[in-house]
Amino acid sequence: MLGSTWRRTPRLAAIGVTTLVTAALALTGTAPAHASSGQVLKKVMAKADGIVPTDNRLPLIGGAPVGVPLSYGGGPVQITSKTFAIFWDPAGFSYNPGYPSLVKQFLGEVGGSSIYNTLTEYYGTVNGVQTPIQNVSTFTGSVTDTSPFPAGGVTDAALQAEVTKVVQANNLPTGYGNLYIVYTGQGGEAASSYCAYHSTVAINGAPTPYADELYGGQSGCTVPSSPNNNQAADSIINTTSHELWETITDQDLGGGWTAIDGDEGSDQCNFEFGTTDAGGADLRINGHGYIVQQEWRNSLAPFGCVMS
């Protein structure tokens, strides 16, 4: 199985991201080269890089977060993406009312929305041809699994086994281009350094992306407002948006679009939100309000975190 290299969404805790713009450009002359998978793994182990960190915001210069341009490693990206939600919800670990439905609502309408307009700046190589990523993400369905969590706790191996079980039992598609997002029930997972992560697992011989979404609203993972009056759901929607954007641009953890320090684009805008409206939303799609972090614009004039 794959997945020993995780890309996690860190919590709100500084991880020492330095202002690397000048150094990166000096090293490469243009945009910095991506870190190798080995380098990424070392950084993940050292500082939970790329995992949705607990609200670790970038240093500010002139009131704006500072990151570095992303560069393409030649690996697979998702030109268009398909998402599938797995709600792992055993007895005693239930979600609050409305949680799954709000998550599914968001997954069903985020594709084509303004928050993912930045995706079209990036590309992948398909059959030897440079092909732009499209702002297209299709929600293909969900299942609720009430089977118990493992006695030893929910580990990454357990998450991979859960995804494999659901995919095989329902004859679902495998391989790049698909993302299986596991939402564990309240109290099922607890972590002090991150809120979510994405990786891949080999199913029927095909590397298949998946993401782990710890129950929303844990310390360091909460959003500053709640447009749906459901902070757990609003918080998990934010980290879901983070992981989906990153999986689209970097499916195999370092072969896609990354910064010189191994960060993916969403990491560089982690917990940096847009201006909220009277309802507490910084994004509205089809009249529905969400509070989601900004995403990384890779244009050199200027690059940075934006809402569209």
Protein backbone atom coordinates (compact mmCIF):
# COMPACT_ATOMS: atom_id res chain seq x y z
CA MET A 1 0.00 0.00 0.00
CA LEU A 2 1.03 3.57 -0.59
CA GLY A 3 0.49 6.40 1.82
CA SER A 4 3.63 6.42 3.95
CA THR A 5 4.08 10.03 2.83
CA TRP A 6 1.15 12.09 4.09
CA ARG A 7 0.18 15.60 3.15
CA ARG A 8 -1.52 16.94 6.25
CA THR A 9 -3.50 20.08 6.92
CA PRO A 10 -1.77 21.56 9.97
CA ARG A 11 -3.56 23.15 12.86
CA LEU A 12 -3.28 26.72 14.10
CA ALA A 13 0.32 26.61 15.29
CA ALA A 14 3.30 28.28 13.65
CA ILE A 15 5.46 25.81 11.75
CA GLY A 16 8.31 28.15 10.99
CA VAL A 17 7.58 28.88 7.33
CA THR A 18 10.16 31.52 6.41
CA THR A 19 10.04 34.26 3.83
CA LEU A 20 11.64 32.33 0.96
CA VAL A 21 10.79 34.45 -2.06
CA THR A 22 14.22 36.06 -2.51
CA ALA A 23 16.13 32.90 -1.71
CA ALA A 24 13.99 30.76 -3.99
CA LEU A 25 14.36 33.05 -6.95
CA ALA A 26 18.09 33.33 -6.34
CA LEU A 27 18.45 29.55 -6.35
CA THR A 28 16.53 28.93 -9.55
CA GLY A 29 16.41 32.21 -11.43
CA THR A 30 12.62 31.88 -11.70
CA ALA A 31 10.20 29.71 -9.76
CA PRO A 32 11.75 27.30 -7.22
CA ALA A 33 12.12 23.61 -7.95
CA HIS A 34 9.83 21.20 -6.13
CA ALA A 35 11.12 19.17 -3.22
CA SER A 36 11.66 15.47 -3.82
CA SER A 37 9.30 12.99 -2.18
CA GLY A 38 12.08 12.08 0.24
CA GLN A 39 12.53 15.70 1.21
CA VAL A 40 8.78 16.11 1.59
CA LEU A 41 8.61 13.06 3.87
CA LYS A 42 11.36 14.44 6.08
CA LYS A 43 9.57 17.77 6.31
CA VAL A 44 6.26 16.12 7.09
CA MET A 45 7.84 14.19 9.93
CA ALA A 46 9.64 17.29 11.18
CA LYS A 47 6.90 19.90 11.08
CA ALA A 48 3.69 18.41 9.70
CA ASP A 49 4.22 20.23 6.43
CA GLY A 50 1.37 20.07 3.96
CA ILE A 51 -1.03 18.56 6.45
CA VAL A 52 -3.82 21.14 7.07
CA PRO A 53 -1.87 22.60 10.05
CA THR A 54 -3.71 23.90 13.05
CA ASP A 55 -4.17 27.47 11.85
CA ASN A 56 -0.51 28.08 11.06
CA ARG A 57 -0.59 31.30 9.14
CA LEU A 58 2.25 32.55 7.00
CA PRO A 59 4.44 35.48 8.06
CA LEU A 60 2.94 38.83 7.12
CA ILE A 61 4.68 41.60 5.19
CA GLY A 62 2.64 44.72 4.60
CA GLY A 63 -0.38 42.91 6.03
CA ALA A 64 -0.27 40.12 3.41
CA PRO A 65 0.84 36.49 3.88
CA VAL A 66 4.12 35.63 2.16
CA GLY A 67 4.83 32.36 0.41
CA VAL A 68 6.79 31.26 -2.63
CA PRO A 69 5.80 30.28 -6.18
CA LEU A 70 4.91 26.65 -6.81
CA SER A 71 6.70 24.65 -9.48
CA TYR A 72 5.61 21.53 -11.34
CA GLY A 73 7.36 18.24 -10.67
CA GLY A 74 6.09 16.45 -13.78
CA GLY A 75 3.77 14.08 -11.92
CA PRO A 76 0.02 13.52 -12.18
CA VAL A 77 -2.54 16.19 -11.42
CA GLN A 78 -6.32 16.04 -11.68
CA ILE A 79 -7.35 17.83 -14.86
CA THR A 80 -10.88 17.31 -13.58
CA SER A 81 -11.70 15.65 -10.28
CA LYS A 82 -14.32 13.35 -8.82
CA THR A 83 -15.04 13.24 -5.09
CA PHE A 84 -16.78 10.60 -2.99
CA ALA A 85 -17.55 10.98 0.73
CA ILE A 86 -17.25 8.17 3.28
CA PHE A 87 -18.95 9.01 6.58
CA TRP A 88 -17.44 6.57 9.08
CA ASP A 89 -19.95 6.92 11.87
CA PRO A 90 -20.03 4.07 14.44
CA ALA A 91 -22.43 4.06 17.39
CA GLY A 92 -21.25 6.52 20.02
CA PHE A 93 -19.34 8.72 17.54
CA SER A 94 -22.19 10.51 15.79
CA TYR A 95 -22.03 13.70 13.77
CA ASN A 96 -24.12 16.67 14.84
CA PRO A 97 -27.37 17.27 12.97
CA GLY A 98 -26.83 18.67 9.51
CA TYR A 99 -23.11 17.85 9.34
CA PRO A 100 -23.14 15.28 6.51
CA SER A 101 -25.72 17.15 4.46
CA LEU A 102 -23.71 20.40 4.58
CA VAL A 103 -20.53 18.57 3.56
CA LYS A 104 -22.31 16.92 0.63
CA GLN A 105 -23.87 20.23 -0.37
CA PHE A 106 -20.43 21.85 -0.53
CA LEU A 107 -18.84 18.98 -2.47
CA GLY A 108 -21.74 19.12 -4.91
CA GLU A 109 -21.27 22.77 -5.80
CA VAL A 110 -17.62 23.75 -5.24
CA GLY A 111 -16.61 22.65 -8.74
CA GLY A 112 -16.78 25.67 -11.02
CA SER A 113 -17.01 28.10 -8.10
CA SER A 114 -14.86 31.20 -7.74
CA ILE A 115 -12.69 29.78 -4.93
CA TYR A 116 -11.21 27.26 -7.38
CA ASN A 117 -10.60 29.70 -10.24
CA THR A 118 -6.92 29.62 -9.30
CA LEU A 119 -6.74 25.97 -10.43
CA THR A 120 -6.72 27.03 -14.07
CA GLU A 121 -3.25 28.58 -13.61
CA TYR A 122 -1.79 25.10 -13.18
CA TYR A 123 -1.31 22.23 -15.61
CA GLY A 124 -0.24 18.62 -15.89
CA THR A 125 1.36 16.49 -18.57
CA VAL A 126 -1.17 14.18 -20.22
CA ASN A 127 0.13 11.85 -22.93
CA GLY A 128 3.11 14.14 -23.34
CA VAL A 129 0.96 17.25 -23.74
CA GLN A 130 0.87 20.16 -21.28
CA THR A 131 -2.80 20.26 -20.27
CA PRO A 132 -4.40 22.98 -18.11
CA ILE A 133 -6.28 21.96 -14.97
CA GLN A 134 -9.98 22.75 -15.20
CA ASN A 135 -12.19 24.19 -12.49
CA VAL A 136 -14.30 21.04 -12.58
CA SER A 137 -14.98 18.87 -9.53
CA THR A 138 -17.87 16.41 -9.55
CA PHE A 139 -19.38 14.93 -6.39
CA THR A 140 -20.21 11.32 -7.27
CA GLY A 141 -21.88 10.10 -4.07
CA SER A 142 -21.44 9.03 -0.46
CA VAL A 143 -21.86 6.11 1.92
CA THR A 144 -22.32 5.94 5.68
CA ASP A 145 -20.42 3.15 7.40
CA THR A 146 -21.49 2.34 10.97
CA SER A 147 -18.92 -0.41 11.50
CA PRO A 148 -16.80 0.07 14.66
CA PHE A 149 -13.51 1.90 14.72
CA PRO A 150 -10.49 -0.38 15.29
CA ALA A 151 -9.78 -1.21 18.93
CA GLY A 152 -6.38 0.43 18.69
CA GLY A 153 -7.76 3.65 17.23
CA VAL A 154 -8.07 5.06 13.73
CA THR A 155 -4.63 4.86 12.14
CA ASP A 156 -3.61 5.68 8.60
CA ALA A 157 -3.57 1.94 7.87
CA ALA A 158 -7.15 1.75 9.15
CA LEU A 159 -8.20 4.63 6.91
CA GLN A 160 -6.61 2.98 3.88
CA ALA A 161 -8.43 -0.26 4.72
CA GLU A 162 -11.72 1.64 5.08
CA VAL A 163 -11.34 3.31 1.70
CA THR A 164 -10.39 0.02 0.08
CA LYS A 165 -13.37 -1.75 1.64
CA VAL A 166 -15.87 0.87 0.50
CA VAL A 167 -14.45 1.10 -3.01
CA GLN A 168 -14.41 -2.65 -3.56
CA ALA A 169 -17.80 -3.28 -1.95
CA ASN A 170 -19.45 -0.67 -4.17
CA ASN A 171 -17.42 -1.30 -7.33
CA LEU A 172 -16.25 2.31 -7.35
CA PRO A 173 -13.57 3.67 -9.69
CA THR A 174 -9.93 3.63 -8.64
CA GLY A 175 -6.83 5.54 -9.67
CA TYR A 176 -5.87 9.16 -10.13
CA GLY A 177 -8.70 11.58 -10.79
CA ASN A 178 -10.77 10.21 -7.91
CA LEU A 179 -10.66 11.39 -4.29
CA TYR A 180 -12.22 9.42 -1.44
CA ILE A 181 -12.73 11.63 1.60
CA VAL A 182 -13.20 9.88 4.95
CA TYR A 183 -15.13 11.83 7.60
CA THR A 184 -14.71 10.16 10.98
CA GLY A 185 -17.37 10.60 13.63
CA GLN A 186 -17.10 12.84 16.67
CA GLY A 187 -14.38 11.59 19.02
CA GLY A 188 -13.12 9.02 16.55
CA GLU A 189 -9.82 10.78 15.91
CA ALA A 190 -7.85 13.32 17.88
CA ALA A 191 -4.60 14.94 16.78
CA SER A 192 -2.66 17.85 18.22
CA SER A 193 -0.74 18.92 15.11
CA TYR A 194 -3.10 18.72 12.16
CA CYS A 195 -6.72 18.85 11.03
CA ALA A 196 -6.69 16.69 7.89
CA TYR A 197 -4.38 15.13 5.31
CA HIS A 198 -4.35 13.49 1.90
CA SER A 199 -2.38 10.59 0.50
CA THR A 200 -2.81 7.62 -1.84
CA VAL A 201 -3.61 3.94 -1.35
CA ALA A 202 -3.11 1.16 -3.90
CA ILE A 203 -6.50 -0.41 -4.72
CA ASN A 204 -6.56 -3.14 -7.35
CA GLY A 205 -3.04 -2.04 -8.22
CA ALA A 206 -4.03 1.60 -8.87
CA PRO A 207 -2.74 4.49 -6.70
CA THR A 208 -5.97 6.08 -5.48
CA PRO A 209 -6.13 9.44 -3.64
CA TYR A 210 -7.91 9.66 -0.30
CA ALA A 211 -8.19 12.24 2.46
CA ASP A 212 -8.70 11.98 6.20
CA GLU A 213 -11.02 14.59 7.73
CA LEU A 214 -10.98 14.60 11.52
CA TYR A 215 -14.29 15.64 13.03
CA GLY A 216 -14.69 19.39 12.50
CA GLY A 217 -14.28 21.99 15.20
CA GLN A 218 -11.43 20.42 17.16
CA SER A 219 -9.04 22.83 18.86
CA GLY A 220 -6.93 24.66 16.31
CA CYS A 221 -9.13 23.58 13.41
CA THR A 222 -12.11 25.89 13.79
CA VAL A 223 -13.17 28.64 11.42
CA PRO A 224 -13.68 32.21 12.74
CA SER A 225 -17.38 32.36 11.83
CA SER A 226 -20.22 29.94 11.18
CA PRO A 227 -22.48 30.92 8.27
CA ASN A 228 -24.48 27.69 8.70
CA ASN A 229 -24.76 27.93 12.49
CA ASN A 230 -22.88 24.64 12.63
CA GLN A 231 -19.25 25.29 13.49
CA ALA A 232 -18.21 21.65 13.22
CA ALA A 233 -19.58 21.39 9.69
CA ASP A 234 -18.33 24.83 8.65
CA SER A 235 -14.86 23.93 9.96
CA ILE A 236 -14.71 20.58 8.16
CA ILE A 237 -15.85 22.22 4.92
CA ASN A 238 -12.85 24.55 5.18
CA THR A 239 -10.34 21.72 5.56
CA THR A 240 -12.15 19.74 2.87
CA SER A 241 -11.65 22.64 0.46
CA HIS A 242 -7.96 22.73 1.42
CA GLU A 243 -7.38 19.03 0.80
CA LEU A 244 -9.39 18.88 -2.42
CA TRP A 245 -7.47 21.81 -3.96
CA GLU A 246 -4.17 20.20 -2.99
CA THR A 247 -5.10 16.76 -4.30
CA ILE A 248 -6.09 18.29 -7.63
CA THR A 249 -2.72 20.05 -7.99
CA ASP A 250 -0.50 17.41 -6.34
CA GLN A 251 -1.98 13.91 -6.45
CA ASP A 252 1.14 11.92 -5.62
CA LEU A 253 2.61 14.09 -2.88
CA GLY A 254 5.43 16.07 -4.41
CA GLY A 255 5.23 15.19 -8.09
CA GLY A 256 2.67 17.90 -8.80
CA TRP A 257 2.79 21.55 -7.78
CA THR A 258 4.80 22.33 -4.63
CA ALA A 259 6.97 25.09 -3.19
CA ILE A 260 10.68 24.85 -2.56
CA ASP A 261 10.06 23.95 1.11
CA GLY A 262 7.65 21.13 0.19
CA ASP A 263 4.43 23.04 0.93
CA GLU A 264 1.48 22.66 -1.40
CA GLY A 265 -0.56 25.67 -2.47
CA SER A 266 -3.28 25.44 0.18
CA ASP A 267 -0.64 25.18 2.90
CA GLN A 268 0.61 28.62 1.95
CA CYS A 269 -2.85 30.09 2.58
CA ASN A 270 -3.80 27.92 5.55
CA PHE A 271 -6.51 29.57 7.67
CA GLU A 272 -6.24 32.82 5.69
CA PHE A 273 -9.85 33.78 4.99
CA GLY A 274 -11.52 36.38 2.82
CA THR A 275 -13.76 39.23 3.90
CA THR A 276 -16.95 37.88 5.44
CA ASP A 277 -20.44 39.12 4.76
CA ALA A 278 -23.18 39.80 7.30
CA GLY A 279 -23.88 36.07 7.51
CA GLY A 280 -20.28 35.18 8.30
CA ALA A 281 -19.51 33.76 4.83
CA ASP A 282 -16.55 34.64 2.63
CA LEU A 283 -17.88 32.46 -0.20
CA ARG A 284 -21.39 32.04 -1.54
CA ILE A 285 -22.34 29.40 -4.10
CA ASN A 286 -25.92 29.10 -5.31
CA GLY A 287 -26.97 31.24 -2.36
CA HIS A 288 -25.29 28.94 0.19
CA GLY A 289 -22.77 30.50 2.55
CA TYR A 290 -19.37 28.99 3.43
CA ILE A 291 -16.25 30.14 5.24
CA VAL A 292 -13.21 28.70 3.45
CA GLN A 293 -9.57 29.65 3.29
CA GLN A 294 -8.04 31.43 0.32
CA GLU A 295 -6.06 29.54 -2.32
CA TRP A 296 -2.68 30.16 -3.91
CA ARG A 297 -2.37 32.33 -7.01
CA ASN A 298 0.88 31.31 -8.70
CA SER A 299 1.18 34.29 -11.04
CA LEU A 300 4.41 36.15 -10.44
CA ALA A 301 2.72 39.54 -10.67
CA PRO A 302 1.58 39.19 -8.01
CA PHE A 303 1.40 35.73 -6.49
CA GLY A 304 -0.36 35.18 -3.18
CA CYS A 305 -3.55 34.07 -1.44
CA VAL A 306 -6.84 35.00 -3.10
CA MET A 307 -10.52 34.10 -2.97
CA SER A 308 -10.91 33.87 -6.75
